[in-house]
PDB file of N, CA and C in Angstrom:
ATOM      1  N   UNK A   1      -4.121  19.645  64.529  1.00  0.00           N
ATOM      2  CA  UNK A   1      -3.888  21.355  63.512  1.00  0.00           C
ATOM      3  C   UNK A   1      -2.635  20.683  63.018  1.00  0.00           C
ATOM      4  N   UNK A   2      -2.445  21.888  61.484  1.00  0.00           N
ATOM      5  CA  UNK A   2      -1.262  21.346  60.736  1.00  0.00           C
ATOM      6  C   UNK A   2      -0.837  22.562  60.243  1.00  0.00           C
ATOM      7  N   UNK A   3       0.589  23.359  60.443  1.00  0.00           N
ATOM      8  CA  UNK A   3       0.932  24.291  60.029  1.00  0.00           C
ATOM      9  C   UNK A   3       1.704  23.988  58.587  1.00  0.00           C
ATOM     10  N   UNK A   4       1.339  25.533  58.018  1.00  0.00           N
ATOM     11  CA  UNK A   4       1.933  26.034  56.933  1.00  0.00           C
ATOM     12  C   UNK A   4       3.030  26.948  56.883  1.00  0.00           C
ATOM     13  N   UNK A   5       3.912  26.697  55.563  1.00  0.00           N
ATOM     14  CA  UNK A   5       4.907  27.423  56.082  1.00  0.00           C
ATOM     15  C   UNK A   5       4.427  29.446  55.410  1.00  0.00           C
ATOM     16  N   UNK A   6       3.054  29.455  54.858  1.00  0.00           N
ATOM     17  CA  UNK A   6       2.568  30.824  54.978  1.00  0.00           C
ATOM     18  C   UNK A   6       1.244  30.191  55.820  1.00  0.00           C
ATOM     19  N   UNK A   7       0.481  31.921  55.799  1.00  0.00           N
ATOM     20  CA  UNK A   7      -1.119  31.724  55.929  1.00  0.00           C
ATOM     21  C   UNK A   7      -1.855  31.483  54.899  1.00  0.00           C
ATOM     22  N   UNK A   8      -0.802  32.241  53.404  1.00  0.00           N
ATOM     23  CA  UNK A   8      -1.435  31.791  52.294  1.00  0.00           C
ATOM     24  C   UNK A   8      -1.494  30.600  51.542  1.00  0.00           C
ATOM     25  N   UNK A   9      -0.236  29.959  52.090  1.00  0.00           N
ATOM     26  CA  UNK A   9      -0.670  28.595  51.918  1.00  0.00           C
ATOM     27  C   UNK A   9      -1.240  27.721  52.709  1.00  0.00           C
ATOM     28  N   UNK A  10      -1.437  28.177  54.154  1.00  0.00           N
ATOM     29  CA  UNK A  10      -2.641  27.330  55.176  1.00  0.00           C
ATOM     30  C   UNK A  10      -4.503  27.530  54.469  1.00  0.00           C
ATOM     31  N   UNK A  11      -4.331  28.959  53.985  1.00  0.00           N
ATOM     32  CA  UNK A  11      -5.828  29.105  53.512  1.00  0.00           C
ATOM     33  C   UNK A  11      -5.719  28.426  52.458  1.00  0.00           C
ATOM     34  N   UNK A  12      -4.864  27.971  51.622  1.00  0.00           N
ATOM     35  CA  UNK A  12      -5.017  27.071  49.942  1.00  0.00           C
ATOM     36  C   UNK A  12      -5.047  25.894  50.274  1.00  0.00           C
ATOM     37  N   UNK A  13      -4.189  25.217  51.988  1.00  0.00           N
ATOM     38  CA  UNK A  13      -4.723  24.027  52.162  1.00  0.00           C
ATOM     39  C   UNK A  13      -6.261  23.838  52.299  1.00  0.00           C
ATOM     40  N   UNK A  14      -6.866  24.878  52.692  1.00  0.00           N
ATOM     41  CA  UNK A  14      -8.674  24.285  53.019  1.00  0.00           C
ATOM     42  C   UNK A  14      -9.560  24.100  51.564  1.00  0.00           C
ATOM     43  N   UNK A  15      -8.736  23.025  50.956  1.00  0.00           N
ATOM     44  CA  UNK A  15      -9.877  23.327  49.304  1.00  0.00           C
ATOM     45  C   UNK A  15     -11.021  22.318  49.645  1.00  0.00           C
ATOM     46  N   UNK A  16     -11.512  22.164  48.412  1.00  0.00           N
ATOM     47  CA  UNK A  16     -13.337  21.908  48.317  1.00  0.00           C
ATOM     48  C   UNK A  16     -13.349  20.830  49.153  1.00  0.00           C
ATOM     49  N   UNK A  17     -11.980  19.947  48.561  1.00  0.00           N
ATOM     50  CA  UNK A  17     -12.580  18.408  49.376  1.00  0.00           C
ATOM     51  C   UNK A  17     -12.127  18.547  51.199  1.00  0.00           C
ATOM     52  N   UNK A  18     -11.400  18.971  51.675  1.00  0.00           N
ATOM     53  CA  UNK A  18     -11.535  19.336  53.086  1.00  0.00           C
ATOM     54  C   UNK A  18     -12.454  20.001  53.492  1.00  0.00           C
ATOM     55  N   UNK A  19     -12.979  20.874  52.505  1.00  0.00           N
ATOM     56  CA  UNK A  19     -14.477  21.933  53.037  1.00  0.00           C
ATOM     57  C   UNK A  19     -15.880  20.645  53.282  1.00  0.00           C
ATOM     58  N   UNK A  20     -15.140  19.651  52.250  1.00  0.00           N
ATOM     59  CA  UNK A  20     -16.425  18.441  52.459  1.00  0.00           C
ATOM     60  C   UNK A  20     -16.052  17.785  53.366  1.00  0.00           C
ATOM     61  N   UNK A  21     -15.032  17.115  53.332  1.00  0.00           N
ATOM     62  CA  UNK A  21     -14.929  16.257  54.448  1.00  0.00           C
ATOM     63  C   UNK A  21     -15.837  16.870  56.042  1.00  0.00           C
ATOM     64  N   UNK A  22     -15.228  18.285  56.026  1.00  0.00           N
ATOM     65  CA  UNK A  22     -15.538  18.964  57.428  1.00  0.00           C
ATOM     66  C   UNK A  22     -17.032  18.937  57.664  1.00  0.00           C
ATOM     67  N   UNK A  23     -17.668  19.504  56.185  1.00  0.00           N
ATOM     68  CA  UNK A  23     -19.127  19.051  56.915  1.00  0.00           C
ATOM     69  C   UNK A  23     -19.743  18.051  56.931  1.00  0.00           C
ATOM     70  N   UNK A  24     -19.345  17.015  55.747  1.00  0.00           N
ATOM     71  CA  UNK A  24     -19.789  15.762  56.771  1.00  0.00           C
ATOM     72  C   UNK A  24     -19.777  15.416  58.249  1.00  0.00           C
ATOM     73  N   UNK A  25     -18.463  15.851  58.438  1.00  0.00           N
ATOM     74  CA  UNK A  25     -18.507  15.297  59.748  1.00  0.00           C
ATOM     75  C   UNK A  25     -19.185  16.175  60.835  1.00  0.00           C
ATOM     76  N   UNK A  26     -19.496  17.307  59.827  1.00  0.00           N
ATOM     77  CA  UNK A  26     -20.381  18.642  61.134  1.00  0.00           C
ATOM     78  C   UNK A  26     -21.969  17.826  60.807  1.00  0.00           C
ATOM     79  N   UNK A  27     -22.187  17.397  59.573  1.00  0.00           N
ATOM     80  CA  UNK A  27     -24.143  16.575  59.317  1.00  0.00           C
ATOM     81  C   UNK A  27     -23.530  15.572  60.303  1.00  0.00           C
ATOM     82  N   UNK A  28     -22.590  14.424  60.264  1.00  0.00           N
ATOM     83  CA  UNK A  28     -22.845  13.541  61.368  1.00  0.00           C
ATOM     84  C   UNK A  28     -23.105  13.580  62.698  1.00  0.00           C
ATOM     85  N   UNK A  29     -22.151  15.290  63.578  1.00  0.00           N
ATOM     86  CA  UNK A  29     -22.230  15.583  64.457  1.00  0.00           C
ATOM     87  C   UNK A  29     -23.300  15.698  65.227  1.00  0.00           C
ATOM     88  N   UNK A  30     -24.248  16.822  64.115  1.00  0.00           N
ATOM     89  CA  UNK A  30     -25.202  17.055  64.505  1.00  0.00           C
ATOM     90  C   UNK A  30     -26.357  16.395  64.191  1.00  0.00           C
ATOM     91  N   UNK A  31     -26.399  14.786  63.325  1.00  0.00           N
ATOM     92  CA  UNK A  31     -27.643  14.078  63.683  1.00  0.00           C
ATOM     93  C   UNK A  31     -27.543  13.408  64.684  1.00  0.00           C
ATOM     94  N   UNK A  32     -26.557  12.973  65.665  1.00  0.00           N
ATOM     95  CA  UNK A  32     -26.400  12.707  66.962  1.00  0.00           C
ATOM     96  C   UNK A  32     -26.812  13.495  68.013  1.00  0.00           C
ATOM     97  N   UNK A  33     -26.355  15.125  67.924  1.00  0.00           N
ATOM     98  CA  UNK A  33     -26.591  15.968  68.732  1.00  0.00           C
ATOM     99  C   UNK A  33     -27.738  17.071  68.614  1.00  0.00           C
ATOM    100  N   UNK A  34     -28.672  17.055  67.850  1.00  0.00           N
ATOM    101  CA  UNK A  34     -29.734  17.769  67.060  1.00  0.00           C
ATOM    102  C   UNK A  34     -29.689  18.898  68.119  1.00  0.00           C
ATOM    103  N   UNK A  35     -29.722  19.155  69.141  1.00  0.00           N
ATOM    104  CA  UNK A  35     -30.261  20.433  70.102  1.00  0.00           C
ATOM    105  C   UNK A  35     -29.223  21.278  69.618  1.00  0.00           C
ATOM    106  N   UNK A  36     -28.037  20.927  69.836  1.00  0.00           N
ATOM    107  CA  UNK A  36     -26.781  21.976  69.629  1.00  0.00           C
ATOM    108  C   UNK A  36     -26.470  23.122  68.515  1.00  0.00           C
ATOM    109  N   UNK A  37     -27.062  22.643  67.565  1.00  0.00           N
ATOM    110  CA  UNK A  37     -27.565  23.430  66.366  1.00  0.00           C
ATOM    111  C   UNK A  37     -28.393  24.296  66.467  1.00  0.00           C
ATOM    112  N   UNK A  38     -29.339  24.468  67.338  1.00  0.00           N
ATOM    113  CA  UNK A  38     -30.801  25.276  67.139  1.00  0.00           C
ATOM    114  C   UNK A  38     -30.502  26.826  67.648  1.00  0.00           C
ATOM    115  N   UNK A  39     -29.392  27.159  67.662  1.00  0.00           N
ATOM    116  CA  UNK A  39     -28.982  28.475  67.535  1.00  0.00           C
ATOM    117  C   UNK A  39     -28.373  28.709  66.130  1.00  0.00           C
ATOM    118  N   UNK A  40     -28.198  27.978  65.748  1.00  0.00           N
ATOM    119  CA  UNK A  40     -27.283  28.485  64.292  1.00  0.00           C
ATOM    120  C   UNK A  40     -25.990  27.743  64.489  1.00  0.00           C
ATOM    121  N   UNK A  41     -25.260  27.424  62.930  1.00  0.00           N
ATOM    122  CA  UNK A  41     -24.190  26.810  63.305  1.00  0.00           C
ATOM    123  C   UNK A  41     -22.672  28.000  62.262  1.00  0.00           C
ATOM    124  N   UNK A  42     -22.153  27.831  62.992  1.00  0.00           N
ATOM    125  CA  UNK A  42     -20.979  28.732  61.950  1.00  0.00           C
ATOM    126  C   UNK A  42     -19.588  27.885  62.426  1.00  0.00           C
ATOM    127  N   UNK A  43     -18.391  27.973  60.880  1.00  0.00           N
ATOM    128  CA  UNK A  43     -17.504  27.448  60.794  1.00  0.00           C
ATOM    129  C   UNK A  43     -16.256  28.315  61.089  1.00  0.00           C
ATOM    130  N   UNK A  44     -15.818  28.803  62.054  1.00  0.00           N
ATOM    131  CA  UNK A  44     -14.521  29.389  62.185  1.00  0.00           C
ATOM    132  C   UNK A  44     -13.859  28.657  61.822  1.00  0.00           C
ATOM    133  N   UNK A  45     -12.139  29.086  61.420  1.00  0.00           N
ATOM    134  CA  UNK A  45     -11.276  28.133  60.746  1.00  0.00           C
ATOM    135  C   UNK A  45      -9.847  29.282  61.475  1.00  0.00           C
ATOM    136  N   UNK A  46      -8.920  28.526  61.802  1.00  0.00           N
ATOM    137  CA  UNK A  46      -7.538  28.769  62.500  1.00  0.00           C
ATOM    138  C   UNK A  46      -6.627  29.269  60.941  1.00  0.00           C
ATOM    139  N   UNK A  47      -6.155  29.653  60.500  1.00  0.00           N
ATOM    140  CA  UNK A  47      -5.218  29.585  59.908  1.00  0.00           C
ATOM    141  C   UNK A  47      -3.416  29.423  60.509  1.00  0.00           C
ATOM    142  N   UNK A  48      -2.551  28.681  60.509  1.00  0.00           N
ATOM    143  CA  UNK A  48      -1.637  28.929  61.236  1.00  0.00           C
ATOM    144  C   UNK A  48      -0.419  28.450  60.092  1.00  0.00           C
ATOM    145  N   UNK A  49       1.213  29.163  60.533  1.00  0.00           N
ATOM    146  CA  UNK A  49       1.878  29.421  59.260  1.00  0.00           C
ATOM    147  C   UNK A  49       3.204  28.649  60.227  1.00  0.00           C
ATOM    148  N   UNK A  50       3.986  28.448  59.781  1.00  0.00           N
ATOM    149  CA  UNK A  50       5.047  27.819  60.409  1.00  0.00           C
ATOM    150  C   UNK A  50       5.830  28.927  61.882  1.00  0.00           C
ATOM    151  N   UNK A  51       6.106  29.586  61.064  1.00  0.00           N
ATOM    152  CA  UNK A  51       6.875  30.841  62.337  1.00  0.00           C
ATOM    153  C   UNK A  51       6.128  31.112  63.662  1.00  0.00           C
ATOM    154  N   UNK A  52       4.448  30.231  63.562  1.00  0.00           N
ATOM    155  CA  UNK A  52       3.463  30.887  64.809  1.00  0.00           C
ATOM    156  C   UNK A  52       2.654  31.497  64.526  1.00  0.00           C
ATOM    157  N   UNK A  53       2.246  32.462  63.407  1.00  0.00           N
ATOM    158  CA  UNK A  53       1.677  33.260  62.930  1.00  0.00           C
ATOM    159  C   UNK A  53      -0.014  32.494  62.984  1.00  0.00           C
ATOM    160  N   UNK A  54      -0.871  33.389  63.437  1.00  0.00           N
ATOM    161  CA  UNK A  54      -2.338  32.775  63.692  1.00  0.00           C
ATOM    162  C   UNK A  54      -2.841  33.680  62.877  1.00  0.00           C
ATOM    163  N   UNK A  55      -3.979  33.416  61.970  1.00  0.00           N
ATOM    164  CA  UNK A  55      -5.178  34.167  61.757  1.00  0.00           C
ATOM    165  C   UNK A  55      -6.834  33.685  61.941  1.00  0.00           C
ATOM    166  N   UNK A  56      -7.439  34.081  62.500  1.00  0.00           N
ATOM    167  CA  UNK A  56      -8.724  33.561  62.752  1.00  0.00           C
ATOM    168  C   UNK A  56      -9.665  34.018  61.561  1.00  0.00           C
ATOM    169  N   UNK A  57     -10.236  33.125  61.108  1.00  0.00           N
ATOM    170  CA  UNK A  57     -11.236  33.424  60.119  1.00  0.00           C
ATOM    171  C   UNK A  57     -12.661  33.618  60.408  1.00  0.00           C
ATOM    172  N   UNK A  58     -13.518  34.174  60.774  1.00  0.00           N
ATOM    173  CA  UNK A  58     -15.118  33.863  61.366  1.00  0.00           C
ATOM    174  C   UNK A  58     -15.811  33.648  60.336  1.00  0.00           C
ATOM    175  N   UNK A  59     -16.360  32.496  60.584  1.00  0.00           N
ATOM    176  CA  UNK A  59     -17.837  32.289  59.744  1.00  0.00           C
ATOM    177  C   UNK A  59     -17.203  32.312  58.323  1.00  0.00           C
ATOM    178  N   UNK A  60     -16.157  30.934  58.313  1.00  0.00           N
ATOM    179  CA  UNK A  60     -15.152  30.994  56.747  1.00  0.00           C
ATOM    180  C   UNK A  60     -15.602  29.884  55.946  1.00  0.00           C
ATOM    181  N   UNK A  61     -16.751  28.878  56.536  1.00  0.00           N
ATOM    182  CA  UNK A  61     -17.518  27.813  55.664  1.00  0.00           C
ATOM    183  C   UNK A  61     -18.911  28.300  55.765  1.00  0.00           C
ATOM    184  N   UNK A  62     -19.704  27.911  54.615  1.00  0.00           N
ATOM    185  CA  UNK A  62     -20.890  27.720  54.736  1.00  0.00           C
ATOM    186  C   UNK A  62     -21.177  26.674  53.631  1.00  0.00           C
ATOM    187  N   UNK A  63     -23.128  25.797  54.084  1.00  0.00           N
ATOM    188  CA  UNK A  63     -22.885  25.477  53.342  1.00  0.00           C
ATOM    189  C   UNK A  63     -24.145  25.472  52.905  1.00  0.00           C
ATOM    190  N   UNK A  64     -23.355  25.033  51.024  1.00  0.00           N
ATOM    191  CA  UNK A  64     -24.794  25.768  50.000  1.00  0.00           C
ATOM    192  C   UNK A  64     -26.396  24.952  49.817  1.00  0.00           C
TER     193      UNK A  64
END
């Protein structure tokens, strides 16, 4: 986990490159554990600011 100065900056840090890396890791994990995704998969993101403020974004990433 890496905090950013603000929640806005934390959200901006999840750029397309990082999103693609998360999706690739999830695909690799699902290939090894195929039954774990049978009920569906969703990606929640926790944004963390340097002051300790946390915001949860439910279903933040979707594979296209």
